């Protein structure tokens, strides 16, 4: 494909022909390609058909997040336990925390934030993707109990992916602590990261 069409343009029909020719010796691929409704893709109006994805893994954590949101209601019957997250992967924890962070009207309460950390062990997780999201959640809702572990974490990690969002979140809760923490660890960070955080804190 790249050899034939390098430095050239091609239309949809040439693309189809090239794909069919390339997989002509593969009966399984040929069968699948022959099942494609090419005319619909080429001529039908509107957006392409929506793929039927398996969302079972994300559905589980969305449902769990909704249960935590229900805790803001006096009628909630949800009691968090370790069993809630038994068998979940780190990626599912990440999706769960990202979902909970989006809560508005109301946001997650400080009591629920602390309970979540205790029951699910997020604060003690060895996965930086998880702990960084958990602390950012606490800082977003203004829970000052998240400040100390965030400061500690910022002295242990140097990836800008984590450092910048954590400093921005920390600044929103306590700008002075954010500045003092940055000054303490600034030489630990890569020059590019250091420069970006410097700008973030100056805003």
Protein backbone atom coordinates (compact mmCIF):
# COMPACT_ATOMS: atom_id res chain seq x y z
CA UNK A 1 0.00 0.00 0.00
CA UNK A 2 2.65 2.52 1.03
CA UNK A 3 4.92 1.48 -1.84
CA UNK A 4 2.20 1.75 -4.47
CA UNK A 5 0.71 5.03 -3.27
CA UNK A 6 3.70 6.89 -1.88
CA UNK A 7 3.70 10.50 -3.08
CA UNK A 8 0.26 9.90 -4.64
CA UNK A 9 -3.35 10.39 -3.68
CA UNK A 10 -6.02 7.73 -4.04
CA UNK A 11 -9.79 7.63 -4.03
CA UNK A 12 -12.11 5.31 -2.14
CA UNK A 13 -12.38 2.84 -5.00
CA UNK A 14 -8.63 2.46 -5.31
CA UNK A 15 -8.43 1.99 -1.56
CA UNK A 16 -11.07 -0.76 -1.68
CA UNK A 17 -9.36 -2.49 -4.61
CA UNK A 18 -5.97 -2.34 -2.90
CA UNK A 19 -7.34 -3.82 0.34
CA UNK A 20 -9.11 -6.65 -1.48
CA UNK A 21 -6.02 -7.46 -3.56
CA UNK A 22 -3.72 -7.39 -0.54
CA UNK A 23 -5.82 -9.92 1.39
CA UNK A 24 -6.78 -12.03 -1.64
CA UNK A 25 -4.61 -14.94 -0.46
CA UNK A 26 -6.16 -14.92 3.03
CA UNK A 27 -9.55 -16.68 2.90
CA UNK A 28 -10.60 -15.56 6.37
CA UNK A 29 -9.80 -11.90 5.72
CA UNK A 30 -11.38 -12.09 2.26
CA UNK A 31 -14.58 -13.48 3.75
CA UNK A 32 -14.74 -10.65 6.29
CA UNK A 33 -14.04 -8.01 3.65
CA UNK A 34 -16.77 -9.40 1.41
CA UNK A 35 -19.19 -8.96 4.31
CA UNK A 36 -18.49 -5.22 4.43
CA UNK A 37 -21.37 -3.16 3.05
CA UNK A 38 -19.15 -1.04 0.84
CA UNK A 39 -22.03 0.76 -0.88
CA UNK A 40 -23.38 1.98 2.46
CA UNK A 41 -19.97 3.24 3.51
CA UNK A 42 -19.43 5.00 0.18
CA UNK A 43 -22.90 6.34 -0.64
CA UNK A 44 -25.19 6.44 2.41
CA UNK A 45 -25.69 9.87 4.04
CA UNK A 46 -24.86 10.63 7.65
CA UNK A 47 -22.29 9.26 10.04
CA UNK A 48 -20.90 5.72 9.80
CA UNK A 49 -22.71 3.05 11.82
CA UNK A 50 -21.87 3.08 15.51
CA UNK A 51 -19.72 0.04 16.38
CA UNK A 52 -21.19 -2.35 18.92
CA UNK A 53 -18.49 -2.20 21.58
CA UNK A 54 -18.40 -4.42 24.64
CA UNK A 55 -18.76 -1.90 27.48
CA UNK A 56 -19.16 -4.42 30.29
CA UNK A 57 -15.85 -3.50 31.96
CA UNK A 58 -16.67 0.20 32.07
CA UNK A 59 -20.33 -0.36 32.95
CA UNK A 60 -19.27 -1.99 36.22
CA UNK A 61 -17.30 1.04 37.40
CA UNK A 62 -19.88 3.54 36.14
CA UNK A 63 -22.49 1.75 38.23
CA UNK A 64 -20.16 1.82 41.23
CA UNK A 65 -19.54 5.55 40.72
CA UNK A 66 -23.29 6.15 40.61
CA UNK A 67 -23.61 4.38 43.96
CA UNK A 68 -21.08 6.77 45.46
CA UNK A 69 -23.00 9.70 44.01
CA UNK A 70 -26.13 8.36 45.68
CA UNK A 71 -24.46 8.82 49.10
CA UNK A 72 -25.36 12.50 48.87
CA UNK A 73 -28.98 11.46 49.27
CA UNK A 74 -30.43 10.63 52.69
CA UNK A 75 -32.31 7.75 51.09
CA UNK A 76 -29.14 5.98 49.90
CA UNK A 77 -28.76 2.37 51.00
CA UNK A 78 -25.23 1.96 49.65
CA UNK A 79 -22.57 0.80 52.11
CA UNK A 80 -19.09 0.77 50.54
CA UNK A 81 -16.96 -2.33 51.09
CA UNK A 82 -13.80 -3.91 49.73
CA UNK A 83 -15.99 -6.35 47.83
CA UNK A 84 -17.07 -3.48 45.56
CA UNK A 85 -13.68 -3.43 43.86
CA UNK A 86 -12.72 -7.08 44.14
CA UNK A 87 -11.31 -8.23 40.81
CA UNK A 88 -11.17 -4.77 39.26
CA UNK A 89 -8.09 -3.83 37.25
CA UNK A 90 -6.00 -0.68 37.67
CA UNK A 91 -7.52 0.68 34.46
CA UNK A 92 -10.99 0.24 35.92
CA UNK A 93 -9.91 2.10 39.07
CA UNK A 94 -8.72 4.93 36.84
CA UNK A 95 -12.04 5.12 34.98
CA UNK A 96 -13.90 5.02 38.30
CA UNK A 97 -11.90 7.89 39.78
CA UNK A 98 -12.19 9.94 36.60
CA UNK A 99 -15.95 9.44 36.73
CA UNK A 100 -16.23 10.44 40.38
CA UNK A 101 -14.07 13.51 39.78
CA UNK A 102 -16.71 14.75 37.32
CA UNK A 103 -19.45 14.78 39.96
CA UNK A 104 -21.18 18.15 40.22
CA UNK A 105 -24.22 19.36 42.14
CA UNK A 106 -23.22 17.88 44.42
CA UNK A 107 -19.56 16.96 44.16
CA UNK A 108 -18.28 14.09 46.27
CA UNK A 109 -18.23 15.06 49.94
CA UNK A 110 -15.05 15.11 52.01
CA UNK A 111 -16.43 12.33 54.21
CA UNK A 112 -17.06 10.16 51.16
CA UNK A 113 -13.62 10.96 49.76
CA UNK A 114 -11.91 9.82 52.94
CA UNK A 115 -14.13 6.76 53.25
CA UNK A 116 -13.32 5.79 49.67
CA UNK A 117 -9.60 5.98 50.38
CA UNK A 118 -9.91 3.88 53.51
CA UNK A 119 -12.18 1.19 52.11
CA UNK A 120 -10.60 0.86 48.67
CA UNK A 121 -7.02 1.63 49.70
CA UNK A 122 -6.47 4.28 47.04
CA UNK A 123 -4.17 6.43 49.18
CA UNK A 124 -1.81 3.50 49.71
CA UNK A 125 -1.91 2.17 46.16
CA UNK A 126 1.44 1.45 44.53
CA UNK A 127 -0.04 2.51 41.18
CA UNK A 128 0.79 6.17 40.59
CA UNK A 129 -2.05 6.50 38.07
CA UNK A 130 -4.48 5.64 40.86
CA UNK A 131 -2.96 7.63 43.73
CA UNK A 132 -2.51 10.76 41.64
CA UNK A 133 -6.16 10.71 40.56
CA UNK A 134 -7.32 10.03 44.10
CA UNK A 135 -5.37 12.98 45.53
CA UNK A 136 -6.51 15.24 42.70
CA UNK A 137 -10.07 14.28 43.52
CA UNK A 138 -9.55 15.27 47.15
CA UNK A 139 -7.96 18.57 46.18
CA UNK A 140 -10.73 19.32 43.70
CA UNK A 141 -13.37 19.06 46.41
CA UNK A 142 -11.22 21.13 48.75
CA UNK A 143 -10.40 18.41 51.27
CA UNK A 144 -7.26 19.58 53.03
CA UNK A 145 -6.47 16.04 54.18
CA UNK A 146 -5.25 15.46 50.61
CA UNK A 147 -2.58 18.17 50.88
CA UNK A 148 0.05 16.31 52.90
CA UNK A 149 0.06 13.09 50.84
CA UNK A 150 0.07 15.17 47.65
CA UNK A 151 3.13 17.09 48.82
CA UNK A 152 4.84 13.81 49.68
CA UNK A 153 4.00 12.36 46.27
CA UNK A 154 5.33 15.43 44.48
CA UNK A 155 8.69 14.79 46.11
CA UNK A 156 8.78 11.24 44.77
CA UNK A 157 7.64 11.53 41.14
CA UNK A 158 8.93 13.62 38.28
CA UNK A 159 6.69 12.85 35.31
CA UNK A 160 5.08 16.02 34.03
CA UNK A 161 1.93 14.03 33.29
CA UNK A 162 1.38 13.78 37.04
CA UNK A 163 3.33 16.72 38.42
CA UNK A 164 1.56 19.56 36.59
CA UNK A 165 -2.04 18.50 37.34
CA UNK A 166 -1.16 17.85 40.97
CA UNK A 167 0.47 21.25 41.39
CA UNK A 168 -2.46 22.99 39.71
CA UNK A 169 -4.91 21.18 41.99
CA UNK A 170 -2.77 21.90 45.05
CA UNK A 171 -2.54 25.59 44.12
CA UNK A 172 -6.33 25.83 44.03
CA UNK A 173 -6.52 24.63 47.63
CA UNK A 174 -3.43 26.26 49.13
CA UNK A 175 -1.28 28.34 46.82
CA UNK A 176 1.39 28.95 49.44
CA UNK A 177 1.88 25.24 50.08
CA UNK A 178 2.07 24.64 46.33
CA UNK A 179 4.79 27.29 45.95
CA UNK A 180 6.77 26.04 48.95
CA UNK A 181 6.56 22.46 47.68
CA UNK A 182 7.73 23.48 44.22
CA UNK A 183 10.66 25.46 45.62
CA UNK A 184 11.64 22.47 47.74
CA UNK A 185 11.65 19.99 44.86
CA UNK A 186 12.24 22.18 41.80
CA UNK A 187 15.75 20.81 41.16
CA UNK A 188 14.31 17.30 41.20
CA UNK A 189 12.17 17.98 38.12
CA UNK A 190 13.21 17.98 34.47
CA UNK A 191 13.88 21.54 33.21
CA UNK A 192 10.85 21.47 30.89
CA UNK A 193 8.57 20.24 33.67
CA UNK A 194 10.07 22.79 36.04
CA UNK A 195 9.43 25.61 33.60
CA UNK A 196 5.82 24.60 32.98
CA UNK A 197 5.00 24.29 36.68
CA UNK A 198 6.68 27.63 37.32
CA UNK A 199 4.29 29.21 34.81
CA UNK A 200 1.29 27.38 36.28
CA UNK A 201 2.00 28.67 39.77
CA UNK A 202 2.61 32.21 38.54
CA UNK A 203 -0.90 32.51 37.10
